[in-house]
Amino acid sequence: MGKYVLKRIGLAFLTTFIILSLTFILIKLLPFQRPIGGDAQQIAYFDKQYGLGYVYRFEKEMDRYGELLYKSPSDHGRAYYYYQVPVLEQYGNWLRNIITRWDWGYSKTYQPNVAASVIIVSRIGYSIRLNIISVIFSVPIGILLGIWAALKKNTMTDHTISTMVMVFISIPSFVLISFVLRIFCYSLDWLPSTWPPDTAPLAARVRGYIIPVFCLSFGSICGYCRFTRAELCEVMESDYLLLARTKGLTRRQAIVRHALKNAMVPIFPSILAEFIGILGGSMILESLYGIPGIGKLFVLSLNYKDYDILFVDMAIFTTISLLAGVVLDLSYGFIDPRIRMGAKK
């Protein structure tokens, strides 16, 4: 089991490295966009790129280095000429900067000359809090609805819950939030129509969580309800549960002691996968509701063509997704003792 764990973690890091390397090269192959701002900001930006090894800097014009990216004003009788370094050489410098200095580059247009990692750290807390609260609400509600539907199988209650799940599970969170904003914010004026600032009163900030948490949790509740109902119905029709009933256990005792326990084996590990799904789906929702998280930052970095921020944002989503997949696979063995890699027969 230990060997399998190390192998899975190693493969996850190798996959992350390959994906990030290809992403870096593809981003650097995109057409260069000059930074915005005055001469002082642009000089500072190109000097940082020179320090990272992404551009050349000369004191005279050099024709053999391709297109001239920027020429600094000739203050004090000295002007600098900046040219782009070849992509593969930039890639080597990128690896060196991360390994030796943990330097992921700087913002070009969104927040000029601010480290991309600093911008990400200042915003990632909003996305994590929002998604954790959404999972906390969606998991118990979805599982309880699924259990209720399974216990009332083939009754009006089961048909009603199943029909609602089939209808609502197909509605994306960013579509749902449009209707919620229209009804509860603009028509009824019960809830804020945008994310309240950090300086707002506590009550206003709490009310600001209601709409995004509801919209992110809605699809997850439907998914958990359907998954739990299917698993529990399958377990309740198994032979060992029938044997438990013939030994004298009541229906309630058989369900609580055996059916629920075994039905939860594939459900609990899926919570991690659900968290990643919500994290990805919150990109558009954060933009619509004005939440200053990394989802909205991803969209802004695309609009601003701020490739360093875009790359770090993609690196976070890629790393979390792959590590969550590893934890998801390993959790089966810890939750269900029957699943063991390398266990004795």
Protein backbone atom coordinates (compact mmCIF):
# COMPACT_ATOMS: atom_id res chain seq x y z
CA MET A 1 0.00 0.00 0.00
CA GLY A 2 2.82 2.38 0.86
CA LYS A 3 4.52 1.70 -2.46
CA TYR A 4 1.26 2.34 -4.30
CA VAL A 5 0.74 5.64 -2.44
CA LEU A 6 4.23 6.88 -3.33
CA LYS A 7 3.74 5.80 -6.94
CA ARG A 8 0.42 7.65 -7.25
CA ILE A 9 1.82 10.81 -5.65
CA GLY A 10 4.86 10.68 -7.91
CA LEU A 11 2.72 10.26 -11.02
CA ALA A 12 0.53 13.17 -9.91
CA PHE A 13 3.53 15.49 -9.55
CA LEU A 14 4.95 14.28 -12.88
CA THR A 15 1.62 14.95 -14.61
CA THR A 16 1.43 18.38 -12.98
CA PHE A 17 4.96 19.18 -14.17
CA ILE A 18 4.18 18.13 -17.75
CA ILE A 19 0.90 20.09 -17.86
CA LEU A 20 2.46 23.24 -16.40
CA SER A 21 5.45 22.99 -18.73
CA LEU A 22 3.25 22.71 -21.81
CA THR A 23 1.03 25.52 -20.52
CA PHE A 24 4.03 27.80 -19.98
CA ILE A 25 5.41 27.14 -23.46
CA LEU A 26 2.02 27.67 -25.14
CA ILE A 27 1.41 30.90 -23.22
CA LYS A 28 4.84 32.23 -24.16
CA LEU A 29 4.12 31.44 -27.83
CA LEU A 30 1.15 33.81 -27.77
CA PRO A 31 1.66 37.26 -29.36
CA PHE A 32 3.44 39.62 -26.99
CA GLN A 33 1.24 42.31 -25.43
CA ARG A 34 2.97 45.43 -24.20
CA PRO A 35 2.19 46.43 -20.60
CA ILE A 36 0.00 49.42 -19.91
CA GLY A 37 1.05 52.46 -17.93
CA GLY A 38 3.65 55.18 -18.20
CA ASP A 39 7.29 54.85 -19.08
CA ALA A 40 8.31 54.28 -15.46
CA GLN A 41 5.92 51.32 -15.08
CA GLN A 42 6.97 49.82 -18.41
CA ILE A 43 10.67 50.16 -17.63
CA ALA A 44 10.10 48.52 -14.25
CA TYR A 45 8.21 45.67 -15.89
CA PHE A 46 10.86 44.98 -18.54
CA ASP A 47 13.63 45.21 -15.95
CA LYS A 48 11.84 42.52 -13.91
CA GLN A 49 11.48 40.38 -17.05
CA TYR A 50 15.17 40.87 -17.70
CA GLY A 51 15.96 39.75 -14.16
CA LEU A 52 13.83 36.63 -14.67
CA GLY A 53 15.60 35.84 -17.95
CA TYR A 54 12.60 36.35 -20.25
CA VAL A 55 13.95 39.32 -22.25
CA TYR A 56 17.35 40.53 -23.44
CA ARG A 57 18.50 44.06 -22.60
CA PHE A 58 21.05 45.94 -24.68
CA GLU A 59 22.34 49.48 -24.76
CA LYS A 60 22.03 49.62 -28.54
CA GLU A 61 19.62 48.27 -31.13
CA MET A 62 20.29 44.65 -32.16
CA ASP A 63 18.77 43.43 -35.42
CA ARG A 64 19.49 39.71 -34.97
CA TYR A 65 17.31 39.32 -31.85
CA GLY A 66 13.99 39.71 -33.65
CA GLU A 67 11.31 42.27 -32.94
CA LEU A 68 12.11 45.14 -30.60
CA LEU A 69 9.72 44.90 -27.65
CA TYR A 70 10.46 48.21 -25.95
CA LYS A 71 12.93 51.07 -25.98
CA SER A 72 13.31 52.97 -22.74
CA PRO A 73 13.58 56.77 -22.76
CA SER A 74 17.17 58.01 -23.02
CA ASP A 75 17.43 59.63 -19.58
CA HIS A 76 20.98 60.50 -18.52
CA GLY A 77 22.13 59.72 -22.04
CA ARG A 78 21.42 55.95 -21.79
CA ALA A 79 18.62 54.00 -23.45
CA TYR A 80 17.90 50.29 -23.16
CA TYR A 81 16.54 48.03 -25.92
CA TYR A 82 14.55 44.95 -24.91
CA TYR A 83 14.14 41.80 -27.03
CA GLN A 84 12.33 38.56 -26.24
CA VAL A 85 14.37 35.51 -25.24
CA PRO A 86 13.63 32.27 -27.21
CA VAL A 87 10.81 30.23 -25.67
CA LEU A 88 12.90 27.19 -24.70
CA GLU A 89 15.46 29.41 -23.01
CA GLN A 90 12.63 31.14 -21.16
CA TYR A 91 11.41 27.71 -20.08
CA GLY A 92 14.79 26.88 -18.56
CA ASN A 93 14.88 30.22 -16.76
CA TRP A 94 11.31 29.63 -15.55
CA LEU A 95 12.30 26.32 -13.95
CA ARG A 96 15.31 27.95 -12.32
CA ASN A 97 13.26 30.86 -10.96
CA ILE A 98 10.65 28.57 -9.39
CA ILE A 99 13.14 26.11 -7.90
CA THR A 100 15.59 28.68 -6.53
CA ARG A 101 13.37 31.70 -5.78
CA TRP A 102 9.73 30.49 -6.06
CA ASP A 103 9.20 33.37 -8.49
CA TRP A 104 6.22 32.91 -10.85
CA GLY A 105 6.47 36.22 -12.65
CA TYR A 106 4.76 39.61 -12.42
CA SER A 107 1.49 41.13 -13.50
CA LYS A 108 1.72 43.12 -16.69
CA THR A 109 -1.59 44.97 -16.97
CA TYR A 110 -3.95 43.97 -14.13
CA GLN A 111 -1.73 45.17 -11.26
CA PRO A 112 1.46 46.24 -13.00
CA ASN A 113 4.73 44.93 -11.51
CA VAL A 114 3.04 43.10 -8.62
CA ALA A 115 4.11 39.48 -8.18
CA ALA A 116 1.54 37.09 -9.64
CA SER A 117 1.79 34.82 -6.59
CA VAL A 118 0.99 37.77 -4.29
CA ILE A 119 -2.14 38.59 -6.30
CA ILE A 120 -3.28 34.94 -6.21
CA VAL A 121 -2.70 34.61 -2.45
CA SER A 122 -4.74 37.77 -1.81
CA ARG A 123 -7.75 36.29 -3.65
CA ILE A 124 -7.66 32.54 -3.14
CA GLY A 125 -9.21 32.78 0.33
CA TYR A 126 -12.52 34.03 -1.10
CA SER A 127 -12.84 31.06 -3.45
CA ILE A 128 -11.85 28.49 -0.83
CA ARG A 129 -14.29 29.81 1.78
CA LEU A 130 -17.12 29.98 -0.73
CA ASN A 131 -16.56 26.44 -1.97
CA ILE A 132 -16.07 24.91 1.48
CA ILE A 133 -19.33 26.46 2.70
CA SER A 134 -21.08 25.18 -0.43
CA VAL A 135 -19.81 21.64 0.17
CA ILE A 136 -20.82 21.80 3.85
CA PHE A 137 -24.38 22.65 2.83
CA SER A 138 -24.72 20.42 -0.24
CA VAL A 139 -23.32 17.15 1.13
CA PRO A 140 -25.68 16.53 4.08
CA ILE A 141 -28.76 17.88 2.28
CA GLY A 142 -28.10 15.84 -0.85
CA ILE A 143 -27.36 12.64 1.07
CA LEU A 144 -30.45 13.01 3.29
CA LEU A 145 -32.69 13.60 0.27
CA GLY A 146 -31.17 10.56 -1.42
CA ILE A 147 -31.77 8.40 1.65
CA TRP A 148 -35.34 9.64 1.91
CA ALA A 149 -35.99 8.85 -1.76
CA ALA A 150 -34.45 5.38 -1.42
CA LEU A 151 -36.50 4.53 1.68
CA LYS A 152 -39.65 5.70 -0.13
CA LYS A 153 -38.77 3.89 -3.36
CA ASN A 154 -41.52 3.79 -6.00
CA THR A 155 -43.77 6.07 -3.95
CA MET A 156 -45.00 9.56 -4.77
CA THR A 157 -42.22 11.02 -2.58
CA ASP A 158 -39.57 9.13 -4.55
CA HIS A 159 -41.04 10.12 -7.90
CA THR A 160 -41.28 13.78 -6.88
CA ILE A 161 -37.68 13.96 -5.63
CA SER A 162 -36.33 12.07 -8.66
CA THR A 163 -38.21 14.28 -11.10
CA MET A 164 -36.99 17.47 -9.45
CA VAL A 165 -33.43 16.16 -9.44
CA MET A 166 -33.60 15.32 -13.16
CA VAL A 167 -34.88 18.79 -13.97
CA PHE A 168 -32.61 20.87 -11.74
CA ILE A 169 -29.34 18.94 -12.14
CA SER A 170 -29.08 20.17 -15.72
CA ILE A 171 -29.15 23.86 -14.74
CA PRO A 172 -25.61 25.34 -14.49
CA SER A 173 -24.83 27.51 -11.48
CA PHE A 174 -24.19 30.60 -13.61
CA VAL A 175 -27.62 30.25 -15.25
CA LEU A 176 -29.34 29.73 -11.91
CA ILE A 177 -27.74 32.81 -10.39
CA SER A 178 -29.23 34.97 -13.15
CA PHE A 179 -32.76 33.96 -12.14
CA VAL A 180 -31.98 34.28 -8.42
CA LEU A 181 -30.57 37.78 -8.90
CA ARG A 182 -33.59 38.79 -10.94
CA ILE A 183 -36.09 37.59 -8.32
CA PHE A 184 -34.47 38.10 -4.92
CA CYS A 185 -32.29 41.12 -5.64
CA TYR A 186 -33.99 43.28 -8.26
CA SER A 187 -37.66 42.34 -7.83
CA LEU A 188 -37.94 41.64 -4.08
CA ASP A 189 -34.79 43.51 -2.93
CA TRP A 190 -34.15 40.93 -0.18
CA LEU A 191 -30.49 40.20 -0.88
CA PRO A 192 -27.50 42.20 -2.17
CA SER A 193 -27.07 42.08 -5.94
CA THR A 194 -23.27 42.03 -5.71
CA TRP A 195 -20.57 40.82 -3.34
CA PRO A 196 -20.32 43.18 -0.34
CA PRO A 197 -16.90 44.73 0.34
CA ASP A 198 -14.74 43.62 3.25
CA THR A 199 -15.53 46.88 5.07
CA ALA A 200 -19.29 46.14 5.05
CA PRO A 201 -21.04 45.17 8.32
CA LEU A 202 -20.97 41.51 9.31
CA ALA A 203 -24.67 41.02 8.60
CA ALA A 204 -24.26 42.36 5.06
CA ARG A 205 -21.27 40.11 4.43
CA VAL A 206 -23.18 37.06 5.68
CA ARG A 207 -26.12 37.90 3.43
CA GLY A 208 -23.67 38.18 0.56
CA TYR A 209 -22.87 34.46 0.87
CA ILE A 210 -26.50 33.33 0.47
CA ILE A 211 -26.86 33.64 -3.31
CA PRO A 212 -23.47 32.21 -4.41
CA VAL A 213 -23.59 29.37 -1.86
CA PHE A 214 -27.12 28.46 -2.90
CA CYS A 215 -26.27 28.50 -6.61
CA LEU A 216 -23.08 26.47 -6.15
CA SER A 217 -24.78 23.96 -3.83
CA PHE A 218 -27.87 23.44 -5.96
CA GLY A 219 -26.34 21.16 -8.57
CA SER A 220 -24.29 19.32 -5.96
CA ILE A 221 -27.37 18.59 -3.86
CA CYS A 222 -29.09 17.07 -6.90
CA GLY A 223 -26.01 15.02 -7.76
CA TYR A 224 -25.60 13.64 -4.25
CA CYS A 225 -29.30 12.89 -4.01
CA ARG A 226 -29.29 10.86 -7.20
CA PHE A 227 -26.04 9.07 -6.35
CA THR A 228 -27.10 8.22 -2.79
CA ARG A 229 -30.49 6.95 -3.88
CA ALA A 230 -28.95 4.68 -6.53
CA GLU A 231 -26.33 3.25 -4.15
CA LEU A 232 -28.74 2.72 -1.28
CA CYS A 233 -31.38 1.07 -3.49
CA GLU A 234 -28.74 -1.32 -4.82
CA VAL A 235 -27.52 -2.20 -1.33
CA MET A 236 -31.05 -2.70 0.00
CA GLU A 237 -31.69 -5.33 -2.68
CA SER A 238 -28.48 -7.27 -1.95
CA ASP A 239 -28.43 -10.81 -0.56
CA TYR A 240 -26.55 -9.97 2.64
CA LEU A 241 -29.19 -7.43 3.66
CA LEU A 242 -31.89 -10.06 3.11
CA LEU A 243 -29.85 -12.41 5.29
CA ALA A 244 -29.68 -9.77 8.01
CA ARG A 245 -33.47 -9.46 7.95
CA THR A 246 -33.92 -13.25 8.20
CA LYS A 247 -31.67 -13.29 11.27
CA GLY A 248 -34.18 -11.12 13.10
CA LEU A 249 -33.06 -7.54 12.44
CA THR A 250 -35.82 -5.05 11.83
CA ARG A 251 -35.85 -3.03 8.61
CA ARG A 252 -34.60 0.02 10.47
CA GLN A 253 -31.75 -1.92 12.11
CA ALA A 254 -30.70 -3.53 8.81
CA ILE A 255 -30.66 -0.20 7.03
CA VAL A 256 -28.75 1.69 9.74
CA ARG A 257 -26.22 -1.05 10.57
CA HIS A 258 -25.55 -2.43 7.09
CA ALA A 259 -27.20 -0.63 4.18
CA LEU A 260 -26.17 2.95 4.98
CA LYS A 261 -22.65 1.97 5.99
CA ASN A 262 -21.95 0.13 2.74
CA ALA A 263 -23.75 2.65 0.54
CA MET A 264 -21.54 5.45 1.88
CA VAL A 265 -18.31 3.76 0.72
CA PRO A 266 -18.41 5.22 -2.82
CA ILE A 267 -20.14 8.44 -1.70
CA PHE A 268 -17.70 9.90 0.81
CA PRO A 269 -14.65 9.86 -1.51
CA SER A 270 -16.69 11.68 -4.16
CA ILE A 271 -16.87 14.73 -1.87
CA LEU A 272 -13.35 15.69 -2.96
CA ALA A 273 -14.27 15.39 -6.61
CA GLU A 274 -17.36 17.47 -5.95
CA PHE A 275 -15.24 20.19 -4.36
CA ILE A 276 -13.10 20.39 -7.49
CA GLY A 277 -16.21 20.49 -9.67
CA ILE A 278 -17.61 23.40 -7.69
CA LEU A 279 -14.24 25.18 -7.77
CA GLY A 280 -14.21 25.05 -11.56
CA GLY A 281 -17.84 26.07 -11.91
CA SER A 282 -17.37 29.11 -9.70
CA MET A 283 -15.31 30.96 -12.33
CA ILE A 284 -18.29 32.43 -14.18
CA LEU A 285 -20.36 32.74 -11.01
CA GLU A 286 -17.64 34.80 -9.30
CA SER A 287 -17.56 37.12 -12.30
CA LEU A 288 -21.35 37.54 -12.36
CA TYR A 289 -21.62 38.24 -8.63
CA GLY A 290 -18.42 40.26 -8.33
CA ILE A 291 -16.67 37.87 -5.93
CA PRO A 292 -12.93 38.76 -5.81
CA GLY A 293 -11.76 35.13 -5.97
CA ILE A 294 -9.36 33.30 -8.25
CA GLY A 295 -12.25 32.28 -10.51
CA LYS A 296 -13.00 35.88 -11.38
CA LEU A 297 -9.27 36.59 -11.55
CA PHE A 298 -8.92 33.86 -14.18
CA VAL A 299 -11.48 35.61 -16.40
CA LEU A 300 -9.91 39.03 -15.76
CA SER A 301 -6.43 37.76 -16.63
CA LEU A 302 -7.81 36.49 -19.95
CA ASN A 303 -9.41 39.85 -20.70
CA TYR A 304 -6.29 41.78 -19.69
CA LYS A 305 -4.00 39.27 -21.49
CA ASP A 306 -2.03 39.08 -18.25
CA TYR A 307 -0.40 35.76 -18.95
CA ASP A 308 1.67 35.37 -15.75
CA ILE A 309 -1.44 35.61 -13.56
CA LEU A 310 -3.31 33.31 -15.93
CA PHE A 311 -0.53 30.74 -15.67
CA VAL A 312 -0.41 30.75 -11.87
CA ASP A 313 -4.22 30.50 -11.74
CA MET A 314 -4.14 27.49 -14.07
CA ALA A 315 -1.35 25.95 -12.01
CA ILE A 316 -3.52 26.10 -8.89
CA PHE A 317 -6.52 24.46 -10.56
CA THR A 318 -4.33 21.78 -12.16
CA THR A 319 -2.48 20.94 -8.95
CA ILE A 320 -5.60 20.80 -6.80
CA SER A 321 -7.41 18.63 -9.35
CA LEU A 322 -4.61 16.08 -9.65
CA LEU A 323 -3.90 15.88 -5.92
CA ALA A 324 -7.61 15.54 -5.20
CA GLY A 325 -7.70 12.65 -7.66
CA VAL A 326 -4.89 10.94 -5.75
CA VAL A 327 -6.65 11.45 -2.41
CA LEU A 328 -9.88 10.21 -3.98
CA ASP A 329 -8.25 6.96 -5.12
CA LEU A 330 -6.46 6.37 -1.84
CA SER A 331 -9.50 7.13 0.29
CA TYR A 332 -11.31 4.05 -1.02
CA GLY A 333 -8.74 1.82 0.63
CA PHE A 334 -9.01 3.58 3.98
CA ILE A 335 -12.81 3.74 4.01
CA ASP A 336 -13.42 0.18 2.79
CA PRO A 337 -11.10 -2.41 4.39
CA ARG A 338 -11.85 -4.80 1.52
CA ILE A 339 -9.93 -2.52 -0.85
CA ARG A 340 -6.22 -2.81 -0.20
CA MET A 341 -3.29 -2.61 -2.57
CA GLY A 342 -0.75 -5.32 -1.80
CA ALA A 343 -2.84 -6.86 1.00
CA LYS A 344 -2.36 -10.53 1.82
CA LYS A 345 -4.91 -12.87 0.32
